[in-house]
């Protein structure tokens, strides 16, 4: 991740972060490239009973069950929205990878630290731990996701019980 609060010395290039930029409903989101494993076509998803709405279920990716998080339900919940994701972005998370279901992968972009800011207090009401920062990219709002915090520990425990 980049340091957002440190002032830059005059003449010094700003810190930048390579990010995979995706479209999620009407929003753009950025994922630090170091957290991205790959992008793949969506796979069939098996729902998990008792999981929150943003958890689409489990899918088999590269021969292993992977938790699928619906990015649109996470960032801008919409009752009844399912099945529109065009890509899965598999992410490095502990204890195992997850797949983030997105509407489109727009490409890799460099985000400078001055393009990003801390999350305003009310904006965190949707997914407070999942959003690391917000900013602008090409005159559009971009939400930077924190891959390691997309899924709360209680949900990971539920998935472990389901898979076991």
N, C-alpha and C. Protein backbone atom coordinates (compact mmCIF):
# COMPACT_ATOMS: atom_id res chain seq x y z
N UNK A 1 0.85 -1.17 0.00
CA UNK A 1 0.00 0.00 0.00
C UNK A 1 0.89 1.23 0.00
N UNK A 2 0.33 2.35 -0.28
CA UNK A 2 1.11 3.58 -0.31
C UNK A 2 0.85 4.39 0.95
N UNK A 3 1.78 5.27 1.26
CA UNK A 3 1.58 6.15 2.40
C UNK A 3 0.83 7.38 1.91
N UNK A 4 -0.30 7.68 2.51
CA UNK A 4 -1.12 8.78 2.04
C UNK A 4 -0.89 10.08 2.80
N UNK A 5 -0.33 10.01 4.00
CA UNK A 5 -0.26 11.19 4.84
C UNK A 5 1.09 11.91 4.80
N UNK A 6 2.09 11.30 4.20
CA UNK A 6 3.41 11.91 4.19
C UNK A 6 3.50 12.96 3.08
N UNK A 7 3.88 14.20 3.41
CA UNK A 7 4.02 15.23 2.37
C UNK A 7 5.20 14.89 1.46
N UNK A 8 5.10 15.28 0.21
CA UNK A 8 6.16 15.02 -0.75
C UNK A 8 7.10 16.20 -0.81
N UNK A 9 8.39 15.91 -0.90
CA UNK A 9 9.39 16.96 -1.01
C UNK A 9 9.25 17.61 -2.38
N UNK A 10 9.51 18.93 -2.46
CA UNK A 10 9.44 19.61 -3.76
C UNK A 10 10.38 18.94 -4.76
N UNK A 11 9.89 18.75 -5.96
CA UNK A 11 10.69 18.13 -7.01
C UNK A 11 10.74 16.62 -6.95
N UNK A 12 10.18 16.04 -5.91
CA UNK A 12 10.17 14.59 -5.76
C UNK A 12 8.88 14.03 -6.35
N UNK A 13 9.01 12.94 -7.08
CA UNK A 13 7.82 12.33 -7.68
C UNK A 13 6.91 11.78 -6.58
N UNK A 14 5.61 11.93 -6.73
CA UNK A 14 4.68 11.39 -5.73
C UNK A 14 4.72 9.87 -5.73
N UNK A 15 4.39 9.28 -4.59
CA UNK A 15 4.31 7.83 -4.52
C UNK A 15 3.13 7.37 -5.33
N UNK A 16 3.32 6.25 -6.00
CA UNK A 16 2.25 5.72 -6.84
C UNK A 16 2.03 4.25 -6.52
N UNK A 17 0.82 3.79 -6.83
CA UNK A 17 0.44 2.42 -6.56
C UNK A 17 -0.21 1.85 -7.82
N UNK A 18 0.32 0.74 -8.31
CA UNK A 18 -0.31 0.06 -9.44
C UNK A 18 -1.56 -0.64 -8.93
N UNK A 19 -2.66 -0.45 -9.64
CA UNK A 19 -3.94 -1.00 -9.21
C UNK A 19 -4.69 -1.57 -10.40
N UNK A 20 -5.41 -2.67 -10.15
CA UNK A 20 -6.33 -3.19 -11.15
C UNK A 20 -7.64 -2.44 -10.96
N UNK A 21 -8.10 -1.75 -11.99
CA UNK A 21 -9.32 -0.97 -11.90
C UNK A 21 -10.46 -1.76 -12.53
N UNK A 22 -11.56 -1.87 -11.79
CA UNK A 22 -12.73 -2.63 -12.23
C UNK A 22 -13.96 -1.75 -12.13
N UNK A 23 -14.97 -2.12 -12.92
CA UNK A 23 -16.27 -1.46 -12.80
C UNK A 23 -17.17 -2.36 -11.98
N UNK A 24 -17.84 -1.75 -11.01
CA UNK A 24 -18.77 -2.44 -10.13
C UNK A 24 -20.05 -1.61 -10.13
N UNK A 25 -21.08 -2.11 -10.79
CA UNK A 25 -22.32 -1.34 -10.98
C UNK A 25 -21.94 -0.02 -11.63
N UNK A 26 -22.22 1.10 -11.00
CA UNK A 26 -21.89 2.41 -11.58
C UNK A 26 -20.58 2.97 -11.05
N UNK A 27 -19.87 2.20 -10.24
CA UNK A 27 -18.65 2.70 -9.61
C UNK A 27 -17.40 2.06 -10.20
N UNK A 28 -16.29 2.75 -9.98
CA UNK A 28 -14.99 2.16 -10.29
C UNK A 28 -14.35 1.78 -8.97
N UNK A 29 -13.67 0.65 -8.97
CA UNK A 29 -12.92 0.28 -7.76
C UNK A 29 -11.52 -0.11 -8.20
N UNK A 30 -10.58 0.10 -7.30
CA UNK A 30 -9.18 -0.21 -7.56
C UNK A 30 -8.70 -1.20 -6.51
N UNK A 31 -7.94 -2.18 -6.96
CA UNK A 31 -7.38 -3.18 -6.07
C UNK A 31 -5.87 -3.14 -6.25
N UNK A 32 -5.11 -2.94 -5.18
CA UNK A 32 -3.65 -2.93 -5.33
C UNK A 32 -3.19 -4.20 -6.07
N UNK A 33 -2.37 -4.01 -7.08
CA UNK A 33 -1.98 -5.11 -7.96
C UNK A 33 -1.28 -6.24 -7.21
N UNK A 34 -0.63 -5.94 -6.11
CA UNK A 34 0.03 -6.98 -5.32
C UNK A 34 -0.94 -7.98 -4.70
N UNK A 35 -2.21 -7.60 -4.59
CA UNK A 35 -3.22 -8.50 -4.03
C UNK A 35 -3.90 -9.35 -5.10
N UNK A 36 -3.68 -9.02 -6.37
CA UNK A 36 -4.37 -9.71 -7.46
C UNK A 36 -3.59 -10.95 -7.91
N UNK A 37 -4.30 -12.07 -7.99
CA UNK A 37 -3.70 -13.29 -8.53
C UNK A 37 -3.96 -13.34 -10.03
N UNK A 38 -5.25 -13.25 -10.42
CA UNK A 38 -5.61 -13.30 -11.84
C UNK A 38 -7.06 -12.87 -12.00
N UNK A 39 -7.46 -12.67 -13.26
CA UNK A 39 -8.87 -12.47 -13.57
C UNK A 39 -9.31 -13.66 -14.42
N UNK A 40 -10.52 -14.13 -14.16
CA UNK A 40 -11.05 -15.29 -14.87
C UNK A 40 -12.52 -15.07 -15.19
N UNK A 41 -13.02 -15.85 -16.15
CA UNK A 41 -14.46 -15.82 -16.42
C UNK A 41 -15.18 -16.34 -15.18
N UNK A 42 -16.39 -15.86 -14.94
CA UNK A 42 -17.15 -16.34 -13.78
C UNK A 42 -17.39 -17.85 -13.88
N UNK A 43 -17.40 -18.47 -12.75
CA UNK A 43 -17.68 -19.90 -12.62
C UNK A 43 -19.05 -20.07 -11.97
N UNK A 44 -19.64 -21.26 -12.08
CA UNK A 44 -20.89 -21.51 -11.35
C UNK A 44 -20.66 -21.32 -9.85
N UNK A 45 -21.66 -20.74 -9.19
CA UNK A 45 -21.56 -20.42 -7.77
C UNK A 45 -22.60 -21.22 -7.00
N UNK A 46 -22.15 -21.84 -5.91
CA UNK A 46 -23.05 -22.53 -4.98
C UNK A 46 -23.28 -21.61 -3.79
N UNK A 47 -24.53 -21.23 -3.50
CA UNK A 47 -24.79 -20.34 -2.37
C UNK A 47 -24.43 -20.99 -1.03
N UNK A 48 -24.20 -20.15 -0.05
CA UNK A 48 -23.90 -20.60 1.32
C UNK A 48 -25.04 -20.13 2.21
N UNK A 49 -25.73 -21.07 2.83
CA UNK A 49 -26.85 -20.72 3.72
C UNK A 49 -26.34 -19.89 4.89
N UNK A 50 -27.04 -18.80 5.19
CA UNK A 50 -26.70 -17.96 6.33
C UNK A 50 -25.63 -16.92 6.05
N UNK A 51 -25.11 -16.86 4.82
CA UNK A 51 -24.06 -15.88 4.50
C UNK A 51 -24.68 -14.51 4.24
N UNK A 52 -23.94 -13.44 4.49
CA UNK A 52 -24.45 -12.10 4.20
C UNK A 52 -24.68 -11.93 2.69
N UNK A 53 -25.46 -10.92 2.31
CA UNK A 53 -25.83 -10.71 0.90
C UNK A 53 -24.63 -10.51 -0.01
N UNK A 54 -23.54 -9.93 0.49
CA UNK A 54 -22.38 -9.68 -0.37
C UNK A 54 -21.58 -10.95 -0.66
N UNK A 55 -21.87 -12.04 0.03
CA UNK A 55 -21.20 -13.32 -0.25
C UNK A 55 -22.07 -14.08 -1.24
N UNK A 56 -21.58 -14.20 -2.47
CA UNK A 56 -22.34 -14.89 -3.51
C UNK A 56 -22.36 -16.39 -3.27
N UNK A 57 -21.27 -16.92 -2.71
CA UNK A 57 -21.18 -18.35 -2.43
C UNK A 57 -19.79 -18.88 -2.71
N UNK A 58 -19.72 -20.15 -3.09
CA UNK A 58 -18.45 -20.80 -3.39
C UNK A 58 -18.42 -21.20 -4.86
N UNK A 59 -17.25 -21.05 -5.47
CA UNK A 59 -17.03 -21.49 -6.85
C UNK A 59 -15.71 -22.26 -6.89
N UNK A 60 -15.59 -23.14 -7.85
CA UNK A 60 -14.35 -23.88 -8.03
C UNK A 60 -13.48 -23.10 -9.02
N UNK A 61 -12.32 -22.66 -8.52
CA UNK A 61 -11.35 -21.92 -9.34
C UNK A 61 -10.04 -22.67 -9.24
N UNK A 62 -9.53 -23.09 -10.38
CA UNK A 62 -8.28 -23.87 -10.44
C UNK A 62 -8.33 -25.09 -9.54
N UNK A 63 -9.50 -25.74 -9.51
CA UNK A 63 -9.65 -27.01 -8.79
C UNK A 63 -9.91 -26.90 -7.30
N UNK A 64 -10.02 -25.70 -6.78
CA UNK A 64 -10.24 -25.53 -5.34
C UNK A 64 -11.47 -24.66 -5.08
N UNK A 65 -12.22 -24.94 -3.99
CA UNK A 65 -13.35 -24.07 -3.66
C UNK A 65 -12.86 -22.70 -3.20
N UNK A 66 -13.46 -21.66 -3.75
CA UNK A 66 -13.06 -20.29 -3.46
C UNK A 66 -14.31 -19.49 -3.10
N UNK A 67 -14.23 -18.72 -2.05
CA UNK A 67 -15.32 -17.84 -1.65
C UNK A 67 -15.46 -16.73 -2.68
N UNK A 68 -16.70 -16.46 -3.12
CA UNK A 68 -16.96 -15.40 -4.10
C UNK A 68 -17.69 -14.26 -3.40
N UNK A 69 -17.11 -13.08 -3.48
CA UNK A 69 -17.69 -11.86 -2.93
C UNK A 69 -18.26 -11.04 -4.07
N UNK A 70 -19.53 -10.70 -3.99
CA UNK A 70 -20.18 -9.86 -5.00
C UNK A 70 -19.84 -8.41 -4.67
N UNK A 71 -18.95 -7.83 -5.46
CA UNK A 71 -18.48 -6.47 -5.18
C UNK A 71 -19.61 -5.45 -5.21
N UNK A 72 -20.58 -5.64 -6.08
CA UNK A 72 -21.70 -4.69 -6.15
C UNK A 72 -22.53 -4.73 -4.87
N UNK A 73 -22.79 -5.92 -4.35
CA UNK A 73 -23.54 -6.03 -3.09
C UNK A 73 -22.73 -5.49 -1.92
N UNK A 74 -21.42 -5.60 -2.00
CA UNK A 74 -20.56 -5.09 -0.94
C UNK A 74 -20.53 -3.55 -0.94
N UNK A 75 -20.41 -2.95 -2.13
CA UNK A 75 -20.22 -1.50 -2.22
C UNK A 75 -21.50 -0.71 -2.39
N UNK A 76 -22.48 -1.27 -3.07
CA UNK A 76 -23.73 -0.55 -3.29
C UNK A 76 -24.86 -1.57 -3.33
N UNK A 77 -25.25 -2.05 -2.15
CA UNK A 77 -26.25 -3.11 -2.07
C UNK A 77 -27.54 -2.78 -2.83
N UNK A 78 -28.01 -3.77 -3.55
CA UNK A 78 -29.24 -3.64 -4.33
C UNK A 78 -30.01 -4.95 -4.19
N UNK A 79 -31.14 -4.93 -3.51
CA UNK A 79 -31.90 -6.17 -3.33
C UNK A 79 -32.21 -6.85 -4.66
N UNK A 80 -31.99 -8.15 -4.68
CA UNK A 80 -32.32 -8.93 -5.87
C UNK A 80 -31.28 -8.92 -6.96
N UNK A 81 -30.20 -8.16 -6.81
CA UNK A 81 -29.16 -8.13 -7.84
C UNK A 81 -28.31 -9.38 -7.73
N UNK A 82 -28.31 -10.19 -8.76
CA UNK A 82 -27.44 -11.37 -8.80
C UNK A 82 -27.10 -11.70 -10.24
N UNK A 83 -25.97 -12.36 -10.42
CA UNK A 83 -25.63 -12.95 -11.70
C UNK A 83 -25.17 -12.03 -12.81
N UNK A 84 -24.84 -10.76 -12.53
CA UNK A 84 -24.42 -9.87 -13.61
C UNK A 84 -22.91 -9.75 -13.72
N UNK A 85 -22.16 -10.35 -12.85
CA UNK A 85 -20.70 -10.21 -12.90
C UNK A 85 -20.15 -10.82 -14.18
N UNK A 86 -19.24 -10.09 -14.81
CA UNK A 86 -18.63 -10.56 -16.05
C UNK A 86 -17.26 -11.17 -15.81
N UNK A 87 -16.64 -10.88 -14.66
CA UNK A 87 -15.31 -11.40 -14.36
C UNK A 87 -15.19 -11.69 -12.87
N UNK A 88 -14.34 -12.64 -12.55
CA UNK A 88 -13.89 -12.87 -11.18
C UNK A 88 -12.46 -12.36 -11.12
N UNK A 89 -12.13 -11.63 -10.08
CA UNK A 89 -10.75 -11.23 -9.80
C UNK A 89 -10.34 -12.02 -8.57
N UNK A 90 -9.41 -12.95 -8.73
CA UNK A 90 -8.98 -13.72 -7.56
C UNK A 90 -7.90 -12.93 -6.83
N UNK A 91 -8.05 -12.92 -5.50
CA UNK A 91 -7.20 -12.08 -4.65
C UNK A 91 -6.46 -12.90 -3.60
N UNK A 92 -5.25 -12.46 -3.30
CA UNK A 92 -4.47 -13.06 -2.21
C UNK A 92 -5.03 -12.54 -0.89
N UNK A 93 -5.59 -13.44 -0.11
CA UNK A 93 -6.08 -13.09 1.22
C UNK A 93 -5.76 -14.26 2.13
N UNK A 94 -5.69 -14.01 3.41
CA UNK A 94 -5.44 -15.09 4.37
C UNK A 94 -6.78 -15.53 4.92
N UNK A 95 -7.02 -16.74 5.15
CA UNK A 95 -6.09 -17.87 5.02
C UNK A 95 -6.10 -18.48 3.62
N UNK A 96 -7.00 -18.02 2.74
CA UNK A 96 -7.07 -18.57 1.39
C UNK A 96 -7.53 -17.49 0.43
N UNK A 97 -7.30 -17.69 -0.87
CA UNK A 97 -7.74 -16.68 -1.85
C UNK A 97 -9.26 -16.54 -1.87
N UNK A 98 -9.72 -15.40 -2.34
CA UNK A 98 -11.15 -15.19 -2.59
C UNK A 98 -11.28 -14.69 -4.02
N UNK A 99 -12.51 -14.77 -4.54
CA UNK A 99 -12.80 -14.22 -5.86
C UNK A 99 -13.76 -13.05 -5.68
N UNK A 100 -13.44 -11.94 -6.29
CA UNK A 100 -14.28 -10.76 -6.25
C UNK A 100 -15.02 -10.70 -7.59
N UNK A 101 -16.35 -10.78 -7.55
CA UNK A 101 -17.16 -10.73 -8.76
C UNK A 101 -17.38 -9.27 -9.15
N UNK A 102 -16.93 -8.90 -10.35
CA UNK A 102 -17.03 -7.52 -10.83
C UNK A 102 -17.73 -7.50 -12.18
N UNK A 103 -18.21 -6.32 -12.57
CA UNK A 103 -18.90 -6.19 -13.85
C UNK A 103 -17.95 -6.09 -15.04
N UNK A 104 -16.78 -5.50 -14.83
CA UNK A 104 -15.80 -5.38 -15.91
C UNK A 104 -14.43 -5.10 -15.32
N UNK A 105 -13.40 -5.58 -15.99
CA UNK A 105 -12.02 -5.25 -15.63
C UNK A 105 -11.57 -4.20 -16.65
N UNK A 106 -11.22 -3.02 -16.14
CA UNK A 106 -10.87 -1.90 -17.02
C UNK A 106 -9.39 -1.81 -17.32
N UNK A 107 -8.55 -2.41 -16.49
CA UNK A 107 -7.11 -2.41 -16.75
C UNK A 107 -6.31 -2.00 -15.54
N UNK A 108 -5.00 -1.97 -15.72
CA UNK A 108 -4.09 -1.57 -14.65
C UNK A 108 -3.80 -0.09 -14.80
N UNK A 109 -3.93 0.62 -13.70
CA UNK A 109 -3.66 2.06 -13.68
C UNK A 109 -2.78 2.39 -12.49
N UNK A 110 -2.02 3.45 -12.61
CA UNK A 110 -1.21 3.94 -11.51
C UNK A 110 -1.98 5.04 -10.80
N UNK A 111 -2.13 4.89 -9.49
CA UNK A 111 -2.80 5.92 -8.69
C UNK A 111 -1.75 6.61 -7.83
N UNK A 112 -1.68 7.92 -7.96
CA UNK A 112 -0.75 8.70 -7.14
C UNK A 112 -1.39 8.95 -5.79
N UNK A 113 -0.55 9.04 -4.76
CA UNK A 113 -1.08 9.20 -3.41
C UNK A 113 -1.94 10.45 -3.27
N UNK A 114 -1.63 11.51 -4.01
CA UNK A 114 -2.46 12.71 -3.87
C UNK A 114 -3.82 12.58 -4.55
N UNK A 115 -4.04 11.52 -5.31
CA UNK A 115 -5.36 11.26 -5.89
C UNK A 115 -6.30 10.62 -4.86
N UNK A 116 -5.75 10.14 -3.76
CA UNK A 116 -6.51 9.37 -2.79
C UNK A 116 -6.64 10.11 -1.48
N UNK A 117 -7.71 9.83 -0.76
CA UNK A 117 -7.88 10.40 0.56
C UNK A 117 -8.56 9.38 1.46
N UNK A 118 -8.53 9.68 2.75
CA UNK A 118 -9.20 8.79 3.71
C UNK A 118 -10.69 8.81 3.44
N UNK A 119 -11.34 7.78 3.88
CA UNK A 119 -12.77 7.62 3.68
C UNK A 119 -13.54 8.57 4.58
N UNK A 120 -14.48 9.37 4.02
CA UNK A 120 -15.31 10.21 4.89
C UNK A 120 -16.12 9.32 5.83
N UNK A 121 -16.44 9.78 7.04
CA UNK A 121 -17.12 8.94 8.03
C UNK A 121 -18.39 8.25 7.55
N UNK A 122 -19.27 8.93 6.85
CA UNK A 122 -20.52 8.31 6.42
C UNK A 122 -20.32 7.32 5.28
N UNK A 123 -19.28 7.49 4.48
CA UNK A 123 -19.04 6.59 3.35
C UNK A 123 -18.69 5.19 3.83
N UNK A 124 -18.15 5.08 5.03
CA UNK A 124 -17.77 3.78 5.55
C UNK A 124 -18.95 2.96 6.01
N UNK A 125 -20.16 3.52 5.96
CA UNK A 125 -21.32 2.78 6.43
C UNK A 125 -21.63 1.57 5.57
N UNK A 126 -21.27 1.60 4.28
CA UNK A 126 -21.56 0.49 3.38
C UNK A 126 -20.61 -0.67 3.65
N UNK A 127 -19.31 -0.43 3.56
CA UNK A 127 -18.30 -1.47 3.75
C UNK A 127 -17.09 -0.86 4.45
N UNK A 128 -17.23 -0.55 5.72
CA UNK A 128 -16.21 0.25 6.40
C UNK A 128 -14.81 -0.36 6.39
N UNK A 129 -14.68 -1.65 6.56
CA UNK A 129 -13.35 -2.25 6.60
C UNK A 129 -12.81 -2.57 5.22
N UNK A 130 -13.67 -2.70 4.23
CA UNK A 130 -13.25 -3.12 2.90
C UNK A 130 -12.67 -1.98 2.07
N UNK A 131 -12.97 -0.74 2.43
CA UNK A 131 -12.52 0.41 1.64
C UNK A 131 -11.32 1.05 2.32
N UNK A 132 -10.20 1.11 1.59
CA UNK A 132 -8.98 1.69 2.13
C UNK A 132 -8.91 3.19 1.90
N UNK A 133 -9.41 3.65 0.76
CA UNK A 133 -9.36 5.07 0.41
C UNK A 133 -10.33 5.33 -0.73
N UNK A 134 -10.55 6.63 -0.99
CA UNK A 134 -11.33 7.02 -2.16
C UNK A 134 -10.55 8.09 -2.90
N UNK A 135 -10.90 8.28 -4.15
CA UNK A 135 -10.21 9.29 -4.93
C UNK A 135 -10.91 9.49 -6.25
N UNK A 136 -10.20 10.11 -7.18
CA UNK A 136 -10.74 10.35 -8.51
C UNK A 136 -9.77 9.80 -9.54
N UNK A 137 -10.34 9.24 -10.58
CA UNK A 137 -9.56 8.71 -11.70
C UNK A 137 -10.35 9.03 -12.95
N UNK A 138 -9.76 9.79 -13.85
CA UNK A 138 -10.45 10.20 -15.08
C UNK A 138 -11.79 10.87 -14.76
N UNK A 139 -11.79 11.76 -13.78
CA UNK A 139 -12.97 12.53 -13.36
C UNK A 139 -14.10 11.65 -12.83
N UNK A 140 -13.79 10.44 -12.41
CA UNK A 140 -14.79 9.54 -11.81
C UNK A 140 -14.31 9.13 -10.43
N UNK A 141 -15.26 8.91 -9.55
CA UNK A 141 -14.94 8.43 -8.22
C UNK A 141 -14.36 7.03 -8.32
N UNK A 142 -13.30 6.78 -7.57
CA UNK A 142 -12.71 5.44 -7.50
C UNK A 142 -12.57 5.07 -6.03
N UNK A 143 -12.96 3.85 -5.72
CA UNK A 143 -12.89 3.32 -4.36
C UNK A 143 -11.75 2.31 -4.34
N UNK A 144 -10.78 2.50 -3.44
CA UNK A 144 -9.66 1.57 -3.33
C UNK A 144 -10.03 0.52 -2.28
N UNK A 145 -10.02 -0.74 -2.71
CA UNK A 145 -10.41 -1.82 -1.80
C UNK A 145 -9.21 -2.39 -1.07
N UNK A 146 -9.44 -2.80 0.16
CA UNK A 146 -8.45 -3.46 1.01
C UNK A 146 -8.75 -4.95 0.95
N UNK A 147 -8.03 -5.68 0.10
CA UNK A 147 -8.33 -7.09 -0.16
C UNK A 147 -8.37 -7.93 1.12
N UNK A 148 -7.47 -7.67 2.03
CA UNK A 148 -7.39 -8.49 3.24
C UNK A 148 -8.60 -8.29 4.16
N UNK A 149 -9.37 -7.24 3.94
CA UNK A 149 -10.50 -6.95 4.83
C UNK A 149 -11.86 -7.05 4.15
N UNK A 150 -11.91 -7.65 2.97
CA UNK A 150 -13.18 -7.74 2.25
C UNK A 150 -14.18 -8.65 2.97
N UNK A 151 -13.67 -9.68 3.62
CA UNK A 151 -14.54 -10.67 4.25
C UNK A 151 -14.27 -10.70 5.75
N UNK A 152 -15.27 -10.41 6.57
CA UNK A 152 -15.08 -10.46 8.03
C UNK A 152 -14.75 -11.88 8.50
N UNK A 153 -14.00 -12.01 9.60
CA UNK A 153 -13.64 -13.33 10.12
C UNK A 153 -14.83 -14.25 10.37
N UNK A 154 -15.95 -13.72 10.82
CA UNK A 154 -17.13 -14.56 11.08
C UNK A 154 -17.62 -15.24 9.80
N UNK A 155 -17.53 -14.54 8.69
CA UNK A 155 -17.95 -15.13 7.41
C UNK A 155 -16.96 -16.21 6.99
N UNK A 156 -15.67 -15.97 7.20
CA UNK A 156 -14.67 -17.00 6.88
C UNK A 156 -14.90 -18.26 7.71
N UNK A 157 -15.28 -18.10 8.98
CA UNK A 157 -15.60 -19.25 9.82
C UNK A 157 -16.80 -20.02 9.26
N UNK A 158 -17.81 -19.29 8.80
CA UNK A 158 -18.99 -19.93 8.21
C UNK A 158 -18.59 -20.73 6.96
N UNK A 159 -17.74 -20.18 6.14
CA UNK A 159 -17.26 -20.88 4.94
C UNK A 159 -16.48 -22.12 5.32
N UNK A 160 -15.62 -22.03 6.32
CA UNK A 160 -14.85 -23.20 6.78
C UNK A 160 -15.79 -24.31 7.22
N UNK A 161 -16.84 -23.97 7.95
CA UNK A 161 -17.80 -24.98 8.38
C UNK A 161 -18.56 -25.59 7.20
N UNK A 162 -18.82 -24.78 6.18
CA UNK A 162 -19.54 -25.25 5.00
C UNK A 162 -18.69 -26.21 4.17
N UNK A 163 -17.40 -25.87 4.00
CA UNK A 163 -16.50 -26.66 3.17
C UNK A 163 -16.07 -27.94 3.88
N UNK A 164 -15.94 -27.89 5.20
CA UNK A 164 -15.45 -29.05 5.95
C UNK A 164 -16.42 -30.19 5.96
